[in-house]
Amino acid sequence: MIRSLHLRSWLGGVGFGWRDDQAAQLVEFAVALPLLVLFVVGIFDFSNAFTFKQKLTNIARDSARVAAADPANDLQSPLPASVIDAFQVVDNYLIGNNISDCGVVNTPSKTGLTWTYKGTVNCPPGGLTIIINRGYYFPAGATTQPANVSCQPLAPPPTAIIGTCVSIRYAYAWRFGNVASLLGRSTVLPTTITAASVAMNEN
């Protein structure tokens, strides 16, 4: 009888130990789950942003090459054919890849040899901005794309080549910041993704 009582008490202690371990595991999982969600969302969000940046870079490069290959004898007109061609390359790529073109239309504003398109329909705040500069100066020995991603006019350097600069700025809605705010952390992320490319004018 005494042995059976000791055995029951020992087994009961072991059972409580098991229940205690399970409770500790649940607590650990509850603590780790928000961090796990944050990491997973961050990985997907930043990889999507990087991929989107690469797409914009490719679009800017293709549109700059198209415009630079067109004749430059109509650049003083309100809307040259080369600018229309560059705009259509961007717009067709976005629509063809199921990316909203933010309702942008072919009626840009003009400053000198720079044309600016804007679209804000069905897009995150900030929308889409396309800048096409047909008189962009860059150093003759330059081997990299410009750091001036806005393609704004620059003062000509002593030895320069006139090219076409295309800049695309697209609003990007981050999910990472929303998840981080649930954990009591504030995260400041850029509201837009920008890419630019320059091609030497051929005509």
Protein backbone atom coordinates (compact mmCIF):
# COMPACT_ATOMS: atom_id res chain seq x y z
CA MET A 1 0.00 0.00 0.00
CA ILE A 2 2.77 2.37 0.96
CA ARG A 3 4.69 1.47 -2.19
CA SER A 4 1.64 2.14 -4.38
CA LEU A 5 1.17 5.57 -2.75
CA HIS A 6 4.80 6.42 -3.33
CA LEU A 7 4.49 5.23 -6.93
CA ARG A 8 1.38 7.32 -7.54
CA SER A 9 2.96 10.39 -6.02
CA TRP A 10 6.08 9.89 -8.09
CA LEU A 11 4.06 9.42 -11.28
CA GLY A 12 1.97 12.46 -10.42
CA GLY A 13 5.14 14.50 -10.02
CA VAL A 14 6.38 13.32 -13.38
CA GLY A 15 3.03 14.26 -14.95
CA PHE A 16 3.20 17.75 -13.49
CA GLY A 17 6.72 18.05 -14.88
CA TRP A 18 5.47 17.18 -18.32
CA ARG A 19 2.68 19.73 -18.05
CA ASP A 20 5.15 22.34 -16.84
CA ASP A 21 7.40 21.68 -19.88
CA GLN A 22 4.45 22.01 -22.24
CA ALA A 23 3.44 25.30 -20.65
CA ALA A 24 6.99 26.62 -20.95
CA GLN A 25 7.07 25.64 -24.62
CA LEU A 26 3.80 27.45 -25.23
CA VAL A 27 5.15 30.57 -23.57
CA GLU A 28 8.36 30.39 -25.61
CA PHE A 29 6.35 29.93 -28.80
CA ALA A 30 4.08 32.87 -27.94
CA VAL A 31 7.14 35.06 -27.35
CA ALA A 32 8.95 33.90 -30.50
CA LEU A 33 5.95 34.00 -32.86
CA PRO A 34 5.83 37.81 -33.33
CA LEU A 35 9.56 37.89 -34.05
CA LEU A 36 9.20 35.02 -36.50
CA VAL A 37 6.36 36.82 -38.28
CA LEU A 38 8.48 39.99 -38.39
CA PHE A 39 11.41 38.14 -39.97
CA VAL A 40 9.24 36.34 -42.54
CA VAL A 41 7.39 39.52 -43.55
CA GLY A 42 10.69 41.41 -43.69
CA ILE A 43 12.31 38.80 -45.94
CA PHE A 44 9.38 38.82 -48.37
CA ASP A 45 8.93 42.60 -48.26
CA PHE A 46 12.58 43.50 -48.86
CA SER A 47 12.99 40.83 -51.55
CA ASN A 48 9.89 42.16 -53.34
CA ALA A 49 11.23 45.73 -53.08
CA PHE A 50 14.60 44.63 -54.48
CA THR A 51 12.93 42.80 -57.36
CA PHE A 52 10.72 45.79 -58.10
CA LYS A 53 13.77 48.07 -58.07
CA GLN A 54 15.43 45.83 -60.66
CA LYS A 55 12.32 45.96 -62.85
CA LEU A 56 12.24 49.76 -62.70
CA THR A 57 15.95 49.88 -63.54
CA ASN A 58 15.41 47.70 -66.59
CA ILE A 59 12.46 49.83 -67.73
CA ALA A 60 14.45 53.05 -67.29
CA ARG A 61 17.39 51.60 -69.25
CA ASP A 62 15.20 50.44 -72.14
CA SER A 63 13.27 53.70 -72.39
CA ALA A 64 16.45 55.79 -72.23
CA ARG A 65 17.97 53.76 -75.08
CA VAL A 66 14.82 54.13 -77.20
CA ALA A 67 14.68 57.90 -76.72
CA ALA A 68 18.43 58.35 -77.26
CA ALA A 69 18.23 56.53 -80.59
CA ASP A 70 15.49 58.85 -81.90
CA PRO A 71 16.24 62.06 -83.81
CA ALA A 72 16.77 65.18 -81.73
CA ASN A 73 15.56 67.68 -84.31
CA ASP A 74 12.15 68.12 -82.66
CA LEU A 75 13.26 68.68 -79.05
CA GLN A 76 11.98 72.25 -79.06
CA SER A 77 8.43 71.07 -79.77
CA PRO A 78 5.99 70.69 -76.86
CA LEU A 79 6.13 66.88 -77.02
CA PRO A 80 8.90 65.30 -79.17
CA ALA A 81 8.50 61.84 -80.69
CA SER A 82 11.46 60.54 -78.64
CA VAL A 83 9.77 61.50 -75.38
CA ILE A 84 6.53 59.84 -76.48
CA ASP A 85 8.49 56.68 -77.36
CA ALA A 86 10.21 56.61 -73.97
CA PHE A 87 6.92 57.13 -72.16
CA GLN A 88 5.23 54.33 -74.11
CA VAL A 89 8.05 51.91 -73.28
CA VAL A 90 7.51 52.57 -69.56
CA ASP A 91 3.71 52.47 -69.73
CA ASN A 92 3.53 49.35 -71.89
CA TYR A 93 5.96 47.49 -69.63
CA LEU A 94 3.96 48.33 -66.51
CA ILE A 95 0.65 47.30 -68.08
CA GLY A 96 2.16 44.19 -69.66
CA ASN A 97 3.47 43.03 -66.27
CA ASN A 98 0.21 43.73 -64.40
CA ILE A 99 1.69 46.72 -62.58
CA SER A 100 -0.62 49.70 -62.24
CA ASP A 101 0.46 52.69 -64.30
CA CYS A 102 -1.34 54.91 -61.77
CA GLY A 103 -3.50 56.37 -64.52
CA VAL A 104 -0.59 58.30 -66.03
CA VAL A 105 -1.45 59.96 -69.34
CA ASN A 106 0.71 61.29 -72.15
CA THR A 107 0.38 64.96 -71.16
CA PRO A 108 3.63 65.82 -69.35
CA SER A 109 4.81 69.13 -67.99
CA LYS A 110 7.92 70.56 -69.64
CA THR A 111 10.89 72.48 -68.24
CA GLY A 112 13.64 73.10 -70.78
CA LEU A 113 14.48 69.68 -72.22
CA THR A 114 12.91 67.80 -69.30
CA TRP A 115 9.43 66.28 -69.45
CA THR A 116 7.67 65.06 -66.28
CA TYR A 117 4.73 62.65 -66.16
CA LYS A 118 2.68 62.02 -63.02
CA GLY A 119 0.02 59.44 -62.17
CA THR A 120 -1.81 58.94 -58.87
CA VAL A 121 -4.86 56.78 -59.70
CA ASN A 122 -5.14 53.34 -58.02
CA CYS A 123 -1.65 53.64 -56.51
CA PRO A 124 -0.20 54.07 -53.00
CA PRO A 125 0.37 57.68 -51.90
CA GLY A 126 3.07 59.17 -54.08
CA GLY A 127 1.92 57.42 -57.24
CA LEU A 128 4.16 57.28 -60.30
CA THR A 129 6.55 59.94 -61.60
CA ILE A 130 8.43 59.57 -64.89
CA ILE A 131 11.10 62.14 -65.77
CA ILE A 132 12.65 62.19 -69.24
CA ASN A 133 15.56 64.58 -69.71
CA ARG A 134 16.74 64.69 -73.34
CA GLY A 135 19.58 67.12 -72.59
CA TYR A 136 21.28 65.43 -69.67
CA TYR A 137 24.99 66.23 -69.29
CA PHE A 138 27.33 63.65 -67.85
CA PRO A 139 31.13 63.42 -67.80
CA ALA A 140 32.75 61.94 -70.89
CA GLY A 141 34.66 59.39 -68.82
CA ALA A 142 31.70 58.26 -66.73
CA THR A 143 31.35 54.50 -66.49
CA THR A 144 28.44 54.20 -64.06
CA GLN A 145 24.83 55.31 -63.95
CA PRO A 146 24.16 58.73 -62.41
CA ALA A 147 23.73 59.21 -58.69
CA ASN A 148 21.29 61.98 -59.58
CA VAL A 149 18.28 59.69 -59.88
CA SER A 150 15.91 62.61 -60.41
CA CYS A 151 17.44 63.35 -63.86
CA GLN A 152 17.21 67.06 -63.11
CA PRO A 153 19.27 69.36 -65.38
CA LEU A 154 22.89 69.74 -64.33
CA ALA A 155 25.51 72.33 -65.21
CA PRO A 156 27.67 70.92 -68.02
CA PRO A 157 31.11 69.72 -66.90
CA PRO A 158 34.21 70.81 -68.87
CA THR A 159 34.08 67.68 -71.02
CA ALA A 160 30.61 66.26 -71.31
CA ILE A 161 28.35 64.07 -73.40
CA ILE A 162 24.72 64.97 -73.93
CA GLY A 163 22.47 62.04 -73.30
CA THR A 164 18.97 61.04 -72.31
CA CYS A 165 18.19 60.39 -68.66
CA VAL A 166 15.03 58.55 -67.63
CA SER A 167 13.98 58.41 -64.00
CA ILE A 168 11.07 56.37 -62.66
CA ARG A 169 9.79 56.92 -59.13
CA TYR A 170 7.06 54.54 -57.97
CA ALA A 171 5.29 54.49 -54.61
CA TYR A 172 5.86 51.33 -52.57
CA ALA A 173 3.63 50.22 -49.69
CA TRP A 174 5.74 48.41 -47.11
CA ARG A 175 4.22 45.69 -44.92
CA PHE A 176 7.28 45.44 -42.70
CA GLY A 177 6.56 48.75 -40.98
CA ASN A 178 3.01 47.69 -40.09
CA VAL A 179 4.23 44.46 -38.50
CA ALA A 180 7.01 46.28 -36.64
CA SER A 181 4.51 48.78 -35.25
CA LEU A 182 2.53 45.90 -33.72
CA LEU A 183 5.64 45.10 -31.70
CA GLY A 184 5.92 48.70 -30.54
CA ARG A 185 8.72 49.61 -32.94
CA SER A 186 8.60 52.53 -35.33
CA THR A 187 10.30 51.98 -38.67
CA VAL A 188 11.01 54.70 -41.22
CA LEU A 189 11.19 53.30 -44.73
CA PRO A 190 11.30 55.13 -48.08
CA THR A 191 7.85 55.71 -49.50
CA THR A 192 9.02 55.33 -53.10
CA ILE A 193 11.42 53.19 -55.12
CA THR A 194 13.41 55.10 -57.73
CA ALA A 195 15.54 53.97 -60.64
CA ALA A 196 17.31 55.98 -63.33
CA SER A 197 19.34 55.29 -66.44
CA VAL A 198 21.30 57.36 -68.96
CA ALA A 199 22.00 56.65 -72.62
CA MET A 200 24.15 58.70 -74.99
CA ASN A 201 22.17 60.51 -77.65
CA GLU A 202 22.87 58.98 -81.05
CA ASN A 203 21.38 61.78 -83.17
